[in-house]
Amino acid sequence: MILQARVVLLAVTLAAFAAAAQTGGTPVETPPVPLSPEKQAAVKQHAERERPSEARTDGPITVGMIVPDSVELWSLPQDSVTEVPATTSYRFLRTGKTIAVVDPNTRKVVQIISD
């Protein structure tokens, strides 16, 4: 009887350690939701109409890069925000003819829109 209790206790302890190991891992980053071609066209039109100031960066803008805090980010046009709820917080910057969609929380470029 005592042996059975010890075996059960050992099994419960091992299960608890296994569960703790699983929850202590590296968080999984969910991929950004890219803007559809229609939304990209709307962002291009918005940028042409509003003419936000051009961002000054040390090199070309690429997906995954972190945009410096000194670069001003602009709001996406309203229609692309309301039809794609996952992109509500996204902002953009313009450099030359390139528009970069940026996650403002991480300042990471999630998509490039070019002519």
PDB file of N, CA and C in Angstrom:
ATOM      1  N   MET A   1       0.819  -1.195   0.000  1.00  0.00           N
ATOM      2  CA  MET A   1       0.000   0.000   0.000  1.00  0.00           C
ATOM      3  C   MET A   1       0.867   1.264   0.000  1.00  0.00           C
ATOM      4  N   ILE A   2       1.902   1.275   0.830  1.00  0.00           N
ATOM      5  CA  ILE A   2       2.793   2.430   0.901  1.00  0.00           C
ATOM      6  C   ILE A   2       3.541   2.578  -0.422  1.00  0.00           C
ATOM      7  N   LEU A   3       3.924   1.454  -1.030  1.00  0.00           N
ATOM      8  CA  LEU A   3       4.620   1.494  -2.305  1.00  0.00           C
ATOM      9  C   LEU A   3       3.721   2.105  -3.378  1.00  0.00           C
ATOM     10  N   GLN A   4       2.439   1.751  -3.393  1.00  0.00           N
ATOM     11  CA  GLN A   4       1.502   2.319  -4.369  1.00  0.00           C
ATOM     12  C   GLN A   4       1.354   3.826  -4.174  1.00  0.00           C
ATOM     13  N   ALA A   5       1.289   4.273  -2.931  1.00  0.00           N
ATOM     14  CA  ALA A   5       1.166   5.699  -2.636  1.00  0.00           C
ATOM     15  C   ALA A   5       2.403   6.449  -3.127  1.00  0.00           C
ATOM     16  N   ARG A   6       3.575   5.867  -2.947  1.00  0.00           N
ATOM     17  CA  ARG A   6       4.805   6.513  -3.411  1.00  0.00           C
ATOM     18  C   ARG A   6       4.854   6.579  -4.944  1.00  0.00           C
ATOM     19  N   VAL A   7       4.399   5.522  -5.587  1.00  0.00           N
ATOM     20  CA  VAL A   7       4.377   5.504  -7.053  1.00  0.00           C
ATOM     21  C   VAL A   7       3.422   6.583  -7.567  1.00  0.00           C
ATOM     22  N   VAL A   8       2.255   6.715  -6.961  1.00  0.00           N
ATOM     23  CA  VAL A   8       1.281   7.732  -7.357  1.00  0.00           C
ATOM     24  C   VAL A   8       1.867   9.124  -7.112  1.00  0.00           C
ATOM     25  N   LEU A   9       2.489   9.317  -5.961  1.00  0.00           N
ATOM     26  CA  LEU A   9       3.099  10.610  -5.640  1.00  0.00           C
ATOM     27  C   LEU A   9       4.204  10.949  -6.644  1.00  0.00           C
ATOM     28  N   LEU A  10       5.022   9.983  -7.010  1.00  0.00           N
ATOM     29  CA  LEU A  10       6.084  10.197  -7.988  1.00  0.00           C
ATOM     30  C   LEU A  10       5.488  10.566  -9.350  1.00  0.00           C
ATOM     31  N   ALA A  11       4.436   9.873  -9.752  1.00  0.00           N
ATOM     32  CA  ALA A  11       3.791  10.155 -11.037  1.00  0.00           C
ATOM     33  C   ALA A  11       3.200  11.570 -11.061  1.00  0.00           C
ATOM     34  N   VAL A  12       2.554  11.961  -9.971  1.00  0.00           N
ATOM     35  CA  VAL A  12       1.971  13.304  -9.892  1.00  0.00           C
ATOM     36  C   VAL A  12       3.071  14.357  -9.926  1.00  0.00           C
ATOM     37  N   THR A  13       4.168  14.124  -9.219  1.00  0.00           N
ATOM     38  CA  THR A  13       5.278  15.069  -9.188  1.00  0.00           C
ATOM     39  C   THR A  13       5.905  15.213 -10.573  1.00  0.00           C
ATOM     40  N   LEU A  14       6.122  14.106 -11.266  1.00  0.00           N
ATOM     41  CA  LEU A  14       6.691  14.164 -12.615  1.00  0.00           C
ATOM     42  C   LEU A  14       5.753  14.888 -13.582  1.00  0.00           C
ATOM     43  N   ALA A  15       4.473  14.653 -13.452  1.00  0.00           N
ATOM     44  CA  ALA A  15       3.498  15.336 -14.313  1.00  0.00           C
ATOM     45  C   ALA A  15       3.523  16.837 -14.060  1.00  0.00           C
ATOM     46  N   ALA A  16       3.653  17.236 -12.808  1.00  0.00           N
ATOM     47  CA  ALA A  16       3.708  18.665 -12.483  1.00  0.00           C
ATOM     48  C   ALA A  16       4.962  19.311 -13.062  1.00  0.00           C
ATOM     49  N   PHE A  17       6.104  18.619 -12.971  1.00  0.00           N
ATOM     50  CA  PHE A  17       7.334  19.158 -13.555  1.00  0.00           C
ATOM     51  C   PHE A  17       7.223  19.263 -15.077  1.00  0.00           C
ATOM     52  N   ALA A  18       6.614  18.270 -15.703  1.00  0.00           N
ATOM     53  CA  ALA A  18       6.446  18.294 -17.167  1.00  0.00           C
ATOM     54  C   ALA A  18       5.552  19.458 -17.579  1.00  0.00           C
ATOM     55  N   ALA A  19       4.477  19.693 -16.836  1.00  0.00           N
ATOM     56  CA  ALA A  19       3.574  20.813 -17.150  1.00  0.00           C
ATOM     57  C   ALA A  19       4.284  22.144 -16.964  1.00  0.00           C
ATOM     58  N   ALA A  20       5.085  22.258 -15.922  1.00  0.00           N
ATOM     59  CA  ALA A  20       5.817  23.503 -15.675  1.00  0.00           C
ATOM     60  C   ALA A  20       6.836  23.748 -16.782  1.00  0.00           C
ATOM     61  N   ALA A  21       7.473  22.692 -17.270  1.00  0.00           N
ATOM     62  CA  ALA A  21       8.457  22.846 -18.337  1.00  0.00           C
ATOM     63  C   ALA A  21       7.790  23.316 -19.627  1.00  0.00           C
ATOM     64  N   GLN A  22       6.586  22.827 -19.896  1.00  0.00           N
ATOM     65  CA  GLN A  22       5.883  23.217 -21.111  1.00  0.00           C
ATOM     66  C   GLN A  22       5.455  24.673 -21.071  1.00  0.00           C
ATOM     67  N   THR A  23       5.046  25.191 -19.937  1.00  0.00           N
ATOM     68  CA  THR A  23       4.575  26.568 -19.850  1.00  0.00           C
ATOM     69  C   THR A  23       5.721  27.558 -19.729  1.00  0.00           C
ATOM     70  N   GLY A  24       6.916  27.103 -19.427  1.00  0.00           N
ATOM     71  CA  GLY A  24       8.042  28.005 -19.251  1.00  0.00           C
ATOM     72  C   GLY A  24       8.854  28.207 -20.519  1.00  0.00           C
ATOM     73  N   GLY A  25       8.375  27.724 -21.665  1.00  0.00           N
ATOM     74  CA  GLY A  25       9.118  27.820 -22.912  1.00  0.00           C
ATOM     75  C   GLY A  25       9.075  29.206 -23.524  1.00  0.00           C
ATOM     76  N   THR A  26       9.637  29.289 -24.698  1.00  0.00           N
ATOM     77  CA  THR A  26       9.687  30.532 -25.445  1.00  0.00           C
ATOM     78  C   THR A  26       8.312  30.844 -26.013  1.00  0.00           C
ATOM     79  N   PRO A  27       7.821  32.076 -25.842  1.00  0.00           N
ATOM     80  CA  PRO A  27       6.517  32.422 -26.389  1.00  0.00           C
ATOM     81  C   PRO A  27       6.543  32.364 -27.917  1.00  0.00           C
ATOM     82  N   VAL A  28       5.436  31.964 -28.496  1.00  0.00           N
ATOM     83  CA  VAL A  28       5.326  31.875 -29.939  1.00  0.00           C
ATOM     84  C   VAL A  28       4.803  33.206 -30.465  1.00  0.00           C
ATOM     85  N   GLU A  29       5.521  33.765 -31.428  1.00  0.00           N
ATOM     86  CA  GLU A  29       5.117  35.041 -32.017  1.00  0.00           C
ATOM     87  C   GLU A  29       4.154  34.756 -33.159  1.00  0.00           C
ATOM     88  N   THR A  30       2.985  35.365 -33.100  1.00  0.00           N
ATOM     89  CA  THR A  30       2.033  35.173 -34.179  1.00  0.00           C
ATOM     90  C   THR A  30       2.421  36.063 -35.347  1.00  0.00           C
ATOM     91  N   PRO A  31       2.322  35.524 -36.556  1.00  0.00           N
ATOM     92  CA  PRO A  31       2.720  36.329 -37.709  1.00  0.00           C
ATOM     93  C   PRO A  31       1.755  37.480 -37.939  1.00  0.00           C
ATOM     94  N   PRO A  32       2.248  38.578 -38.482  1.00  0.00           N
ATOM     95  CA  PRO A  32       1.372  39.717 -38.754  1.00  0.00           C
ATOM     96  C   PRO A  32       0.383  39.378 -39.861  1.00  0.00           C
ATOM     97  N   VAL A  33      -0.744  40.062 -39.850  1.00  0.00           N
ATOM     98  CA  VAL A  33      -1.748  39.877 -40.892  1.00  0.00           C
ATOM     99  C   VAL A  33      -1.434  40.862 -42.014  1.00  0.00           C
ATOM    100  N   PRO A  34      -1.018  40.353 -43.193  1.00  0.00           N
ATOM    101  CA  PRO A  34      -0.686  41.278 -44.269  1.00  0.00           C
ATOM    102  C   PRO A  34      -1.934  41.944 -44.840  1.00  0.00           C
ATOM    103  N   LEU A  35      -1.751  43.139 -45.345  1.00  0.00           N
ATOM    104  CA  LEU A  35      -2.855  43.848 -45.976  1.00  0.00           C
ATOM    105  C   LEU A  35      -3.104  43.244 -47.357  1.00  0.00           C
ATOM    106  N   SER A  36      -4.353  43.115 -47.709  1.00  0.00           N
ATOM    107  CA  SER A  36      -4.726  42.582 -49.023  1.00  0.00           C
ATOM    108  C   SER A  36      -4.305  43.573 -50.112  1.00  0.00           C
ATOM    109  N   PRO A  37      -4.262  43.133 -51.366  1.00  0.00           N
ATOM    110  CA  PRO A  37      -3.927  44.060 -52.456  1.00  0.00           C
ATOM    111  C   PRO A  37      -4.853  45.284 -52.501  1.00  0.00           C
ATOM    112  N   GLU A  38      -6.135  45.092 -52.193  1.00  0.00           N
ATOM    113  CA  GLU A  38      -7.074  46.216 -52.179  1.00  0.00           C
ATOM    114  C   GLU A  38      -6.705  47.220 -51.092  1.00  0.00           C
ATOM    115  N   LYS A  39      -6.342  46.709 -49.937  1.00  0.00           N
ATOM    116  CA  LYS A  39      -5.971  47.589 -48.825  1.00  0.00           C
ATOM    117  C   LYS A  39      -4.646  48.288 -49.107  1.00  0.00           C
ATOM    118  N   GLN A  40      -3.728  47.577 -49.762  1.00  0.00           N
ATOM    119  CA  GLN A  40      -2.467  48.200 -50.135  1.00  0.00           C
ATOM    120  C   GLN A  40      -2.711  49.376 -51.080  1.00  0.00           C
ATOM    121  N   ALA A  41      -3.633  49.182 -52.023  1.00  0.00           N
ATOM    122  CA  ALA A  41      -3.976  50.271 -52.952  1.00  0.00           C
ATOM    123  C   ALA A  41      -4.568  51.454 -52.192  1.00  0.00           C
ATOM    124  N   ALA A  42      -5.409  51.168 -51.193  1.00  0.00           N
ATOM    125  CA  ALA A  42      -6.008  52.243 -50.391  1.00  0.00           C
ATOM    126  C   ALA A  42      -4.935  52.996 -49.606  1.00  0.00           C
ATOM    127  N   VAL A  43      -3.944  52.281 -49.082  1.00  0.00           N
ATOM    128  CA  VAL A  43      -2.855  52.925 -48.333  1.00  0.00           C
ATOM    129  C   VAL A  43      -2.036  53.799 -49.279  1.00  0.00           C
ATOM    130  N   LYS A  44      -1.746  53.301 -50.493  1.00  0.00           N
ATOM    131  CA  LYS A  44      -1.004  54.097 -51.481  1.00  0.00           C
ATOM    132  C   LYS A  44      -1.749  55.397 -51.801  1.00  0.00           C
ATOM    133  N   GLN A  45      -3.058  55.282 -52.051  1.00  0.00           N
ATOM    134  CA  GLN A  45      -3.866  56.472 -52.354  1.00  0.00           C
ATOM    135  C   GLN A  45      -3.855  57.447 -51.187  1.00  0.00           C
ATOM    136  N   HIS A  46      -3.981  56.916 -49.978  1.00  0.00           N
ATOM    137  CA  HIS A  46      -3.968  57.743 -48.773  1.00  0.00           C
ATOM    138  C   HIS A  46      -2.635  58.491 -48.658  1.00  0.00           C
ATOM    139  N   ALA A  47      -1.531  57.774 -48.900  1.00  0.00           N
ATOM    140  CA  ALA A  47      -0.200  58.396 -48.796  1.00  0.00           C
ATOM    141  C   ALA A  47      -0.018  59.470 -49.868  1.00  0.00           C
ATOM    142  N   GLU A  48      -0.535  59.231 -51.070  1.00  0.00           N
ATOM    143  CA  GLU A  48      -0.444  60.237 -52.139  1.00  0.00           C
ATOM    144  C   GLU A  48      -1.269  61.474 -51.795  1.00  0.00           C
ATOM    145  N   ARG A  49      -2.445  61.235 -51.218  1.00  0.00           N
ATOM    146  CA  ARG A  49      -3.352  62.340 -50.885  1.00  0.00           C
ATOM    147  C   ARG A  49      -2.844  63.140 -49.686  1.00  0.00           C
ATOM    148  N   GLU A  50      -2.421  62.464 -48.636  1.00  0.00           N
ATOM    149  CA  GLU A  50      -2.018  63.128 -47.386  1.00  0.00           C
ATOM    150  C   GLU A  50      -0.568  63.625 -47.414  1.00  0.00           C
ATOM    151  N   ARG A  51       0.256  63.035 -48.229  1.00  0.00           N
ATOM    152  CA  ARG A  51       1.676  63.413 -48.347  1.00  0.00           C
ATOM    153  C   ARG A  51       2.392  63.476 -46.988  1.00  0.00           C
ATOM    154  N   PRO A  52       2.445  62.352 -46.247  1.00  0.00           N
ATOM    155  CA  PRO A  52       3.184  62.370 -44.972  1.00  0.00           C
ATOM    156  C   PRO A  52       4.659  62.626 -45.247  1.00  0.00           C
ATOM    157  N   SER A  53       5.336  63.226 -44.288  1.00  0.00           N
ATOM    158  CA  SER A  53       6.757  63.519 -44.484  1.00  0.00           C
ATOM    159  C   SER A  53       7.524  62.211 -44.679  1.00  0.00           C
ATOM    160  N   GLU A  54       8.583  62.298 -45.465  1.00  0.00           N
ATOM    161  CA  GLU A  54       9.372  61.120 -45.779  1.00  0.00           C
ATOM    162  C   GLU A  54      10.256  60.744 -44.594  1.00  0.00           C
ATOM    163  N   ALA A  55      10.303  59.449 -44.298  1.00  0.00           N
ATOM    164  CA  ALA A  55      11.120  58.950 -43.195  1.00  0.00           C
ATOM    165  C   ALA A  55      12.588  58.957 -43.590  1.00  0.00           C
ATOM    166  N   ARG A  56      13.422  59.313 -42.662  1.00  0.00           N
ATOM    167  CA  ARG A  56      14.867  59.292 -42.882  1.00  0.00           C
ATOM    168  C   ARG A  56      15.435  58.095 -42.116  1.00  0.00           C
ATOM    169  N   THR A  57      15.967  57.143 -42.872  1.00  0.00           N
ATOM    170  CA  THR A  57      16.533  55.947 -42.254  1.00  0.00           C
ATOM    171  C   THR A  57      17.975  55.775 -42.733  1.00  0.00           C
ATOM    172  N   ASP A  58      18.716  54.916 -42.044  1.00  0.00           N
ATOM    173  CA  ASP A  58      20.126  54.693 -42.377  1.00  0.00           C
ATOM    174  C   ASP A  58      20.323  53.794 -43.589  1.00  0.00           C
ATOM    175  N   GLY A  59      19.277  53.172 -44.054  1.00  0.00           N
ATOM    176  CA  GLY A  59      19.397  52.261 -45.186  1.00  0.00           C
ATOM    177  C   GLY A  59      18.020  51.909 -45.708  1.00  0.00           C
ATOM    178  N   PRO A  60      17.973  50.914 -46.580  1.00  0.00           N
ATOM    179  CA  PRO A  60      16.670  50.523 -47.131  1.00  0.00           C
ATOM    180  C   PRO A  60      15.765  49.925 -46.058  1.00  0.00           C
ATOM    181  N   ILE A  61      14.469  50.122 -46.233  1.00  0.00           N
ATOM    182  CA  ILE A  61      13.467  49.564 -45.317  1.00  0.00           C
ATOM    183  C   ILE A  61      13.218  48.115 -45.728  1.00  0.00           C
ATOM    184  N   THR A  62      13.272  47.197 -44.770  1.00  0.00           N
ATOM    185  CA  THR A  62      13.032  45.791 -45.051  1.00  0.00           C
ATOM    186  C   THR A  62      12.065  45.206 -44.020  1.00  0.00           C
ATOM    187  N   VAL A  63      11.346  44.170 -44.416  1.00  0.00           N
ATOM    188  CA  VAL A  63      10.441  43.483 -43.496  1.00  0.00           C
ATOM    189  C   VAL A  63      11.266  42.899 -42.356  1.00  0.00           C
ATOM    190  N   GLY A  64      10.802  43.114 -41.138  1.00  0.00           N
ATOM    191  CA  GLY A  64      11.474  42.594 -39.951  1.00  0.00           C
ATOM    192  C   GLY A  64      12.377  43.591 -39.263  1.00  0.00           C
ATOM    193  N   MET A  65      12.746  44.669 -39.967  1.00  0.00           N
ATOM    194  CA  MET A  65      13.623  45.650 -39.323  1.00  0.00           C
ATOM    195  C   MET A  65      12.856  46.446 -38.274  1.00  0.00           C
ATOM    196  N   ILE A  66      13.571  46.976 -37.310  1.00  0.00           N
ATOM    197  CA  ILE A  66      12.991  47.811 -36.272  1.00  0.00           C
ATOM    198  C   ILE A  66      13.205  49.270 -36.664  1.00  0.00           C
ATOM    199  N   VAL A  67      12.121  50.017 -36.710  1.00  0.00           N
ATOM    200  CA  VAL A  67      12.181  51.424 -37.090  1.00  0.00           C
ATOM    201  C   VAL A  67      12.580  52.245 -35.864  1.00  0.00           C
ATOM    202  N   PRO A  68      13.556  53.136 -36.006  1.00  0.00           N
ATOM    203  CA  PRO A  68      13.987  53.954 -34.857  1.00  0.00           C
ATOM    204  C   PRO A  68      12.840  54.808 -34.302  1.00  0.00           C
ATOM    205  N   ASP A  69      12.914  55.103 -33.023  1.00  0.00           N
ATOM    206  CA  ASP A  69      11.892  55.936 -32.373  1.00  0.00           C
ATOM    207  C   ASP A  69      11.805  57.325 -32.992  1.00  0.00           C
ATOM    208  N   SER A  70      12.873  57.773 -33.608  1.00  0.00           N
ATOM    209  CA  SER A  70      12.887  59.117 -34.195  1.00  0.00           C
ATOM    210  C   SER A  70      12.052  59.222 -35.473  1.00  0.00           C
ATOM    211  N   VAL A  71      11.679  58.085 -36.053  1.00  0.00           N
ATOM    212  CA  VAL A  71      10.892  58.085 -37.291  1.00  0.00           C
ATOM    213  C   VAL A  71       9.412  58.175 -36.944  1.00  0.00           C
ATOM    214  N   GLU A  72       8.729  59.162 -37.532  1.00  0.00           N
ATOM    215  CA  GLU A  72       7.303  59.345 -37.280  1.00  0.00           C
ATOM    216  C   GLU A  72       6.494  58.324 -38.064  1.00  0.00           C
ATOM    217  N   LEU A  73       5.524  57.706 -37.371  1.00  0.00           N
ATOM    218  CA  LEU A  73       4.632  56.743 -38.009  1.00  0.00           C
ATOM    219  C   LEU A  73       3.266  57.386 -38.221  1.00  0.00           C
ATOM    220  N   TRP A  74       2.608  57.029 -39.323  1.00  0.00           N
ATOM    221  CA  TRP A  74       1.329  57.619 -39.695  1.00  0.00           C
ATOM    222  C   TRP A  74       0.230  56.577 -39.632  1.00  0.00           C
ATOM    223  N   SER A  75      -1.001  57.005 -39.349  1.00  0.00           N
ATOM    224  CA  SER A  75      -2.147  56.099 -39.258  1.00  0.00           C
ATOM    225  C   SER A  75      -2.545  55.590 -40.636  1.00  0.00           C
ATOM    226  N   LEU A  76      -3.004  54.358 -40.668  1.00  0.00           N
ATOM    227  CA  LEU A  76      -3.540  53.798 -41.908  1.00  0.00           C
ATOM    228  C   LEU A  76      -4.871  54.476 -42.219  1.00  0.00           C
ATOM    229  N   PRO A  77      -5.272  54.488 -43.491  1.00  0.00           N
ATOM    230  CA  PRO A  77      -6.586  55.065 -43.812  1.00  0.00           C
ATOM    231  C   PRO A  77      -7.688  54.267 -43.136  1.00  0.00           C
ATOM    232  N   GLN A  78      -8.746  54.917 -42.757  1.00  0.00           N
ATOM    233  CA  GLN A  78      -9.817  54.316 -41.962  1.00  0.00           C
ATOM    234  C   GLN A  78     -10.422  53.064 -42.591  1.00  0.00           C
ATOM    235  N   ASP A  79     -10.663  53.061 -43.898  1.00  0.00           N
ATOM    236  CA  ASP A  79     -11.348  51.897 -44.472  1.00  0.00           C
ATOM    237  C   ASP A  79     -10.517  50.627 -44.354  1.00  0.00           C
ATOM    238  N   SER A  80      -9.198  50.698 -44.453  1.00  0.00           N
ATOM    239  CA  SER A  80      -8.407  49.480 -44.313  1.00  0.00           C
ATOM    240  C   SER A  80      -8.357  49.016 -42.861  1.00  0.00           C
ATOM    241  N   VAL A  81      -8.521  49.936 -41.933  1.00  0.00           N
ATOM    242  CA  VAL A  81      -8.512  49.568 -40.520  1.00  0.00           C
ATOM    243  C   VAL A  81      -9.802  48.860 -40.140  1.00  0.00           C
ATOM    244  N   THR A  82     -10.926  49.382 -40.578  1.00  0.00           N
ATOM    245  CA  THR A  82     -12.196  48.816 -40.147  1.00  0.00           C
ATOM    246  C   THR A  82     -12.499  47.482 -40.816  1.00  0.00           C
ATOM    247  N   GLU A  83     -12.015  47.260 -42.028  1.00  0.00           N
ATOM    248  CA  GLU A  83     -12.300  46.005 -42.709  1.00  0.00           C
ATOM    249  C   GLU A  83     -11.313  44.905 -42.342  1.00  0.00           C
ATOM    250  N   VAL A  84     -10.182  45.242 -41.780  1.00  0.00           N
ATOM    251  CA  VAL A  84      -9.200  44.258 -41.338  1.00  0.00           C
ATOM    252  C   VAL A  84      -8.879  44.566 -39.876  1.00  0.00           C
ATOM    253  N   PRO A  85      -9.718  44.083 -38.947  1.00  0.00           N
ATOM    254  CA  PRO A  85      -9.563  44.463 -37.541  1.00  0.00           C
ATOM    255  C   PRO A  85      -8.191  44.156 -36.954  1.00  0.00           C
ATOM    256  N   ALA A  86      -7.520  43.121 -37.431  1.00  0.00           N
ATOM    257  CA  ALA A  86      -6.225  42.760 -36.860  1.00  0.00           C
ATOM    258  C   ALA A  86      -5.168  43.823 -37.133  1.00  0.00           C
ATOM    259  N   THR A  87      -5.405  44.699 -38.092  1.00  0.00           N
ATOM    260  CA  THR A  87      -4.412  45.717 -38.420  1.00  0.00           C
ATOM    261  C   THR A  87      -4.736  47.070 -37.812  1.00  0.00           C
ATOM    262  N   THR A  88      -5.680  47.121 -36.896  1.00  0.00           N
ATOM    263  CA  THR A  88      -6.124  48.386 -36.328  1.00  0.00           C
ATOM    264  C   THR A  88      -4.975  49.242 -35.818  1.00  0.00           C
ATOM    265  N   SER A  89      -4.020  48.641 -35.164  1.00  0.00           N
ATOM    266  CA  SER A  89      -2.950  49.426 -34.568  1.00  0.00           C
ATOM    267  C   SER A  89      -1.799  49.700 -35.522  1.00  0.00           C
ATOM    268  N   TYR A  90      -1.768  49.075 -36.678  1.00  0.00           N
ATOM    269  CA  TYR A  90      -0.650  49.290 -37.599  1.00  0.00           C
ATOM    270  C   TYR A  90      -0.555  50.749 -38.015  1.00  0.00           C
ATOM    271  N   ARG A  91       0.654  51.171 -38.294  1.00  0.00           N
ATOM    272  CA  ARG A  91       0.937  52.506 -38.796  1.00  0.00           C
ATOM    273  C   ARG A  91       1.790  52.322 -40.046  1.00  0.00           C
ATOM    274  N   PHE A  92       2.135  53.419 -40.695  1.00  0.00           N
ATOM    275  CA  PHE A  92       3.017  53.295 -41.847  1.00  0.00           C
ATOM    276  C   PHE A  92       4.000  54.448 -41.897  1.00  0.00           C
ATOM    277  N   LEU A  93       5.036  54.250 -42.680  1.00  0.00           N
ATOM    278  CA  LEU A  93       5.985  55.309 -42.972  1.00  0.00           C
ATOM    279  C   LEU A  93       6.231  55.271 -44.474  1.00  0.00           C
ATOM    280  N   ARG A  94       6.707  56.393 -44.983  1.00  0.00           N
ATOM    281  CA  ARG A  94       6.991  56.483 -46.414  1.00  0.00           C
ATOM    282  C   ARG A  94       8.431  56.914 -46.601  1.00  0.00           C
ATOM    283  N   THR A  95       9.104  56.241 -47.524  1.00  0.00           N
ATOM    284  CA  THR A  95      10.440  56.645 -47.912  1.00  0.00           C
ATOM    285  C   THR A  95      10.560  56.444 -49.414  1.00  0.00           C
ATOM    286  N   GLY A  96      10.733  57.530 -50.130  1.00  0.00           N
ATOM    287  CA  GLY A  96      10.722  57.454 -51.591  1.00  0.00           C
ATOM    288  C   GLY A  96       9.360  56.984 -52.068  1.00  0.00           C
ATOM    289  N   LYS A  97       9.356  55.946 -52.894  1.00  0.00           N
ATOM    290  CA  LYS A  97       8.091  55.390 -53.381  1.00  0.00           C
ATOM    291  C   LYS A  97       7.692  54.150 -52.585  1.00  0.00           C
ATOM    292  N   THR A  98       8.392  53.890 -51.504  1.00  0.00           N
ATOM    293  CA  THR A  98       8.121  52.717 -50.682  1.00  0.00           C
ATOM    294  C   THR A  98       7.334  53.107 -49.441  1.00  0.00           C
ATOM    295  N   ILE A  99       6.324  52.295 -49.141  1.00  0.00           N
ATOM    296  CA  ILE A  99       5.535  52.468 -47.925  1.00  0.00           C
ATOM    297  C   ILE A  99       5.755  51.216 -47.076  1.00  0.00           C
ATOM    298  N   ALA A 100       6.094  51.405 -45.819  1.00  0.00           N
ATOM    299  CA  ALA A 100       6.309  50.292 -44.901  1.00  0.00           C
ATOM    300  C   ALA A 100       5.199  50.292 -43.854  1.00  0.00           C
ATOM    301  N   VAL A 101       4.547  49.151 -43.687  1.00  0.00           N
ATOM    302  CA  VAL A 101       3.525  48.983 -42.649  1.00  0.00           C
ATOM    303  C   VAL A 101       4.252  48.515 -41.398  1.00  0.00           C
ATOM    304  N   VAL A 102       3.991  49.206 -40.279  1.00  0.00           N
ATOM    305  CA  VAL A 102       4.761  48.996 -39.047  1.00  0.00           C
ATOM    306  C   VAL A 102       3.825  48.685 -37.884  1.00  0.00           C
ATOM    307  N   ASP A 103       4.221  47.725 -37.060  1.00  0.00           N
ATOM    308  CA  ASP A 103       3.524  47.457 -35.804  1.00  0.00           C
ATOM    309  C   ASP A 103       4.065  48.479 -34.803  1.00  0.00           C
ATOM    310  N   PRO A 104       3.248  49.434 -34.343  1.00  0.00           N
ATOM    311  CA  PRO A 104       3.770  50.493 -33.475  1.00  0.00           C
ATOM    312  C   PRO A 104       4.217  50.009 -32.095  1.00  0.00           C
ATOM    313  N   ASN A 105       3.724  48.861 -31.655  1.00  0.00           N
ATOM    314  CA  ASN A 105       4.128  48.348 -30.341  1.00  0.00           C
ATOM    315  C   ASN A 105       5.576  47.877 -30.346  1.00  0.00           C
ATOM    316  N   THR A 106       5.982  47.248 -31.446  1.00  0.00           N
ATOM    317  CA  THR A 106       7.347  46.731 -31.547  1.00  0.00           C
ATOM    318  C   THR A 106       8.205  47.576 -32.481  1.00  0.00           C
ATOM    319  N   ARG A 107       7.544  48.436 -33.279  1.00  0.00           N
ATOM    320  CA  ARG A 107       8.168  49.262 -34.311  1.00  0.00           C
ATOM    321  C   ARG A 107       8.828  48.399 -35.371  1.00  0.00           C
ATOM    322  N   LYS A 108       8.298  47.200 -35.542  1.00  0.00           N
ATOM    323  CA  LYS A 108       8.809  46.255 -36.523  1.00  0.00           C
ATOM    324  C   LYS A 108       8.047  46.406 -37.834  1.00  0.00           C
ATOM    325  N   VAL A 109       8.779  46.431 -38.953  1.00  0.00           N
ATOM    326  CA  VAL A 109       8.153  46.493 -40.270  1.00  0.00           C
ATOM    327  C   VAL A 109       7.539  45.133 -40.568  1.00  0.00           C
ATOM    328  N   VAL A 110       6.230  45.125 -40.851  1.00  0.00           N
ATOM    329  CA  VAL A 110       5.540  43.861 -41.103  1.00  0.00           C
ATOM    330  C   VAL A 110       5.197  43.655 -42.570  1.00  0.00           C
ATOM    331  N   GLN A 111       5.251  44.727 -43.379  1.00  0.00           N
ATOM    332  CA  GLN A 111       4.936  44.598 -44.791  1.00  0.00           C
ATOM    333  C   GLN A 111       5.486  45.789 -45.552  1.00  0.00           C
ATOM    334  N   ILE A 112       5.914  45.562 -46.776  1.00  0.00           N
ATOM    335  CA  ILE A 112       6.379  46.622 -47.661  1.00  0.00           C
ATOM    336  C   ILE A 112       5.379  46.748 -48.804  1.00  0.00           C
ATOM    337  N   ILE A 113       4.985  47.986 -49.094  1.00  0.00           N
ATOM    338  CA  ILE A 113       4.107  48.285 -50.221  1.00  0.00           C
ATOM    339  C   ILE A 113       4.923  49.172 -51.147  1.00  0.00           C
ATOM    340  N   SER A 114       5.177  48.676 -52.354  1.00  0.00           N
ATOM    341  CA  SER A 114       5.958  49.482 -53.298  1.00  0.00           C
ATOM    342  C   SER A 114       5.200  49.632 -54.611  1.00  0.00           C
ATOM    343  N   ASP A 115       5.623  50.627 -55.398  1.00  0.00           N
ATOM    344  CA  ASP A 115       4.982  50.864 -56.702  1.00  0.00           C
ATOM    345  C   ASP A 115       5.387  49.832 -57.714  1.00  0.00           C
TER     346      ASP A 115
END
